[in-house]
Amino acid sequence: MTSEYIDERNGGYCIAGTRISLDSVVYSFLRGNSPDGVHEEYPLLSLPQIRGAITFYLEHRGAVDCYLENKQREFEASAVPLSEADPDLWARLVRARQAASVVDMGEPRSARFVSVNLMAA
């Protein structure tokens, strides 16, 4: 499946003549962006390229949605939990979460910052 605006490369889809994936444009569009909104996120693409990519998606929605779901499953299957990938960072995050849960939640957040700043002064 290709078109004037879409190239199929390495098992994926790209906007023709670029390295920007069709996925990027589709996800931006699905978040509610208009072609102009997509253009703000991807200024290297022209409006005709964006409109062509969206048209391609809408004309092949079933196949593209299936492709995106498969890519998401592959990504999730290949992901390594942070606790395994960087145990030191994971331990620091756990300690930071525990420390944050100890903060007195009865005091307004802004008051906590003010009191911390006053104590530091």
C-alpha atoms as a PDB file:
ATOM      1  CA  MET A   1       0.000   0.000   0.000  1.00  0.00           C
ATOM      2  CA  THR A   2       1.579   3.231  -1.102  1.00  0.00           C
ATOM      3  CA  SER A   3       0.419   6.469  -2.613  1.00  0.00           C
ATOM      4  CA  GLU A   4       1.838   9.686  -3.950  1.00  0.00           C
ATOM      5  CA  TYR A   5       2.284  10.841  -0.344  1.00  0.00           C
ATOM      6  CA  ILE A   6       3.196   7.581   1.406  1.00  0.00           C
ATOM      7  CA  ASP A   7       6.200   5.286   0.986  1.00  0.00           C
ATOM      8  CA  GLU A   8       6.436   1.816   2.461  1.00  0.00           C
ATOM      9  CA  ARG A   9       9.937   1.275   3.876  1.00  0.00           C
ATOM     10  CA  ASN A  10      11.462  -1.297   6.214  1.00  0.00           C
ATOM     11  CA  GLY A  11       8.073  -2.695   7.176  1.00  0.00           C
ATOM     12  CA  GLY A  12       6.646   0.731   7.996  1.00  0.00           C
ATOM     13  CA  TYR A  13       5.102   3.746   6.356  1.00  0.00           C
ATOM     14  CA  CYS A  14       6.717   7.162   5.895  1.00  0.00           C
ATOM     15  CA  ILE A  15       5.605  10.401   4.375  1.00  0.00           C
ATOM     16  CA  ALA A  16       7.060  10.292   0.846  1.00  0.00           C
ATOM     17  CA  GLY A  17      10.450  11.960   0.584  1.00  0.00           C
ATOM     18  CA  THR A  18      10.876  12.255   4.359  1.00  0.00           C
ATOM     19  CA  ARG A  19      11.844  10.175   7.357  1.00  0.00           C
ATOM     20  CA  ILE A  20       8.676  11.197   9.217  1.00  0.00           C
ATOM     21  CA  SER A  21       6.462   8.209   9.877  1.00  0.00           C
ATOM     22  CA  LEU A  22       2.837   7.973   8.910  1.00  0.00           C
ATOM     23  CA  ASP A  23       2.307   6.939  12.549  1.00  0.00           C
ATOM     24  CA  SER A  24       3.309  10.418  13.719  1.00  0.00           C
ATOM     25  CA  VAL A  25       0.801  12.163  11.468  1.00  0.00           C
ATOM     26  CA  VAL A  26      -1.984   9.685  12.256  1.00  0.00           C
ATOM     27  CA  TYR A  27      -1.514   9.948  16.034  1.00  0.00           C
ATOM     28  CA  SER A  28      -1.490  13.742  15.804  1.00  0.00           C
ATOM     29  CA  PHE A  29      -4.676  13.627  13.712  1.00  0.00           C
ATOM     30  CA  LEU A  30      -6.315  11.181  16.155  1.00  0.00           C
ATOM     31  CA  ARG A  31      -5.493  13.547  19.035  1.00  0.00           C
ATOM     32  CA  GLY A  32      -7.805  15.997  17.272  1.00  0.00           C
ATOM     33  CA  ASN A  33      -5.303  18.092  15.366  1.00  0.00           C
ATOM     34  CA  SER A  34      -6.366  19.614  12.080  1.00  0.00           C
ATOM     35  CA  PRO A  35      -3.882  19.554   9.192  1.00  0.00           C
ATOM     36  CA  ASP A  36      -2.678  22.972  10.425  1.00  0.00           C
ATOM     37  CA  GLY A  37      -2.210  21.528  13.921  1.00  0.00           C
ATOM     38  CA  VAL A  38      -0.249  18.606  12.522  1.00  0.00           C
ATOM     39  CA  HIS A  39       1.851  21.117  10.575  1.00  0.00           C
ATOM     40  CA  GLU A  40       2.679  22.928  13.834  1.00  0.00           C
ATOM     41  CA  GLU A  41       3.999  19.635  15.244  1.00  0.00           C
ATOM     42  CA  TYR A  42       5.799  18.664  12.030  1.00  0.00           C
ATOM     43  CA  PRO A  43       6.778  21.888  10.257  1.00  0.00           C
ATOM     44  CA  LEU A  44       9.027  19.996   7.827  1.00  0.00           C
ATOM     45  CA  LEU A  45       5.898  18.577   6.217  1.00  0.00           C
ATOM     46  CA  SER A  46       3.884  20.629   3.761  1.00  0.00           C
ATOM     47  CA  LEU A  47       0.140  20.909   4.138  1.00  0.00           C
ATOM     48  CA  PRO A  48      -0.400  18.862   0.937  1.00  0.00           C
ATOM     49  CA  GLN A  49       1.798  16.088   2.402  1.00  0.00           C
ATOM     50  CA  ILE A  50      -0.189  16.152   5.646  1.00  0.00           C
ATOM     51  CA  ARG A  51      -3.537  16.145   3.844  1.00  0.00           C
ATOM     52  CA  GLY A  52      -2.291  13.297   1.625  1.00  0.00           C
ATOM     53  CA  ALA A  53      -1.204  11.285   4.665  1.00  0.00           C
ATOM     54  CA  ILE A  54      -4.550  11.834   6.403  1.00  0.00           C
ATOM     55  CA  THR A  55      -6.424  10.897   3.224  1.00  0.00           C
ATOM     56  CA  PHE A  56      -4.294   7.753   2.907  1.00  0.00           C
ATOM     57  CA  TYR A  57      -5.106   6.879   6.522  1.00  0.00           C
ATOM     58  CA  LEU A  58      -8.844   7.428   6.048  1.00  0.00           C
ATOM     59  CA  GLU A  59      -8.901   5.398   2.815  1.00  0.00           C
ATOM     60  CA  HIS A  60      -6.970   2.508   4.423  1.00  0.00           C
ATOM     61  CA  ARG A  61      -8.109   2.956   8.016  1.00  0.00           C
ATOM     62  CA  GLY A  62      -8.591  -0.735   8.820  1.00  0.00           C
ATOM     63  CA  ALA A  63      -5.183  -1.778   7.519  1.00  0.00           C
ATOM     64  CA  VAL A  64      -3.371   1.216   9.069  1.00  0.00           C
ATOM     65  CA  ASP A  65      -5.094   0.726  12.450  1.00  0.00           C
ATOM     66  CA  CYS A  66      -4.069  -2.946  12.378  1.00  0.00           C
ATOM     67  CA  TYR A  67      -0.494  -1.919  11.499  1.00  0.00           C
ATOM     68  CA  LEU A  68      -0.428   0.601  14.380  1.00  0.00           C
ATOM     69  CA  GLU A  69      -1.807  -1.958  16.849  1.00  0.00           C
ATOM     70  CA  ASN A  70       0.842  -4.478  15.782  1.00  0.00           C
ATOM     71  CA  LYS A  71       3.596  -1.877  16.200  1.00  0.00           C
ATOM     72  CA  GLN A  72       2.259  -1.033  19.678  1.00  0.00           C
ATOM     73  CA  ARG A  73       2.237  -4.722  20.673  1.00  0.00           C
ATOM     74  CA  GLU A  74       5.801  -5.165  19.355  1.00  0.00           C
ATOM     75  CA  PHE A  75       6.918  -2.093  21.286  1.00  0.00           C
ATOM     76  CA  GLU A  76       5.316  -3.295  24.509  1.00  0.00           C
ATOM     77  CA  ALA A  77       6.799  -6.784  24.097  1.00  0.00           C
ATOM     78  CA  SER A  78      10.275  -5.365  23.578  1.00  0.00           C
ATOM     79  CA  ALA A  79      10.118  -2.908  26.464  1.00  0.00           C
ATOM     80  CA  VAL A  80      12.340  -3.635  29.429  1.00  0.00           C
ATOM     81  CA  PRO A  81      10.964  -2.496  32.789  1.00  0.00           C
ATOM     82  CA  LEU A  82      12.933   0.399  34.256  1.00  0.00           C
ATOM     83  CA  SER A  83      13.540  -1.683  37.394  1.00  0.00           C
ATOM     84  CA  GLU A  84      15.583  -4.052  35.210  1.00  0.00           C
ATOM     85  CA  ALA A  85      17.042  -1.561  32.732  1.00  0.00           C
ATOM     86  CA  ASP A  86      18.371   0.865  35.366  1.00  0.00           C
ATOM     87  CA  PRO A  87      17.997  -0.503  38.911  1.00  0.00           C
ATOM     88  CA  ASP A  88      19.751   2.524  40.472  1.00  0.00           C
ATOM     89  CA  LEU A  89      17.378   4.993  38.845  1.00  0.00           C
ATOM     90  CA  TRP A  90      14.423   2.788  39.791  1.00  0.00           C
ATOM     91  CA  ALA A  91      15.543   2.738  43.433  1.00  0.00           C
ATOM     92  CA  ARG A  92      15.878   6.554  43.471  1.00  0.00           C
ATOM     93  CA  LEU A  93      12.384   6.928  42.013  1.00  0.00           C
ATOM     94  CA  VAL A  94      10.934   4.569  44.627  1.00  0.00           C
ATOM     95  CA  ARG A  95      12.648   6.520  47.421  1.00  0.00           C
ATOM     96  CA  ALA A  96      11.392   9.823  45.972  1.00  0.00           C
ATOM     97  CA  ARG A  97       7.828   8.464  45.802  1.00  0.00           C
ATOM     98  CA  GLN A  98       8.042   7.264  49.378  1.00  0.00           C
ATOM     99  CA  ALA A  99       9.393  10.626  50.534  1.00  0.00           C
ATOM    100  CA  ALA A 100       6.612  12.455  48.689  1.00  0.00           C
ATOM    101  CA  SER A 101       3.959  10.304  50.345  1.00  0.00           C
ATOM    102  CA  VAL A 102       5.282  11.276  53.792  1.00  0.00           C
ATOM    103  CA  VAL A 103       4.593  15.006  53.196  1.00  0.00           C
ATOM    104  CA  ASP A 104       1.699  16.302  55.334  1.00  0.00           C
ATOM    105  CA  MET A 105      -1.190  16.311  52.883  1.00  0.00           C
ATOM    106  CA  GLY A 106      -3.339  18.514  55.175  1.00  0.00           C
ATOM    107  CA  GLU A 107      -1.299  21.603  54.327  1.00  0.00           C
ATOM    108  CA  PRO A 108      -2.014  23.325  50.989  1.00  0.00           C
ATOM    109  CA  ARG A 109       0.675  22.697  48.418  1.00  0.00           C
ATOM    110  CA  SER A 110       1.441  26.402  48.015  1.00  0.00           C
ATOM    111  CA  ALA A 111       1.887  26.723  51.797  1.00  0.00           C
ATOM    112  CA  ARG A 112       4.388  23.854  51.777  1.00  0.00           C
ATOM    113  CA  PHE A 113       6.452  25.677  49.165  1.00  0.00           C
ATOM    114  CA  VAL A 114       6.219  28.972  51.041  1.00  0.00           C
ATOM    115  CA  SER A 115       7.281  27.355  54.303  1.00  0.00           C
ATOM    116  CA  VAL A 116      10.154  25.579  52.595  1.00  0.00           C
ATOM    117  CA  ASN A 117      11.262  28.839  50.970  1.00  0.00           C
ATOM    118  CA  LEU A 118      10.957  30.766  54.248  1.00  0.00           C
ATOM    119  CA  MET A 119      12.999  28.173  56.072  1.00  0.00           C
ATOM    120  CA  ALA A 120      15.695  28.351  53.416  1.00  0.00           C
ATOM    121  CA  ALA A 121      15.911  32.164  53.670  1.00  0.00           C
END
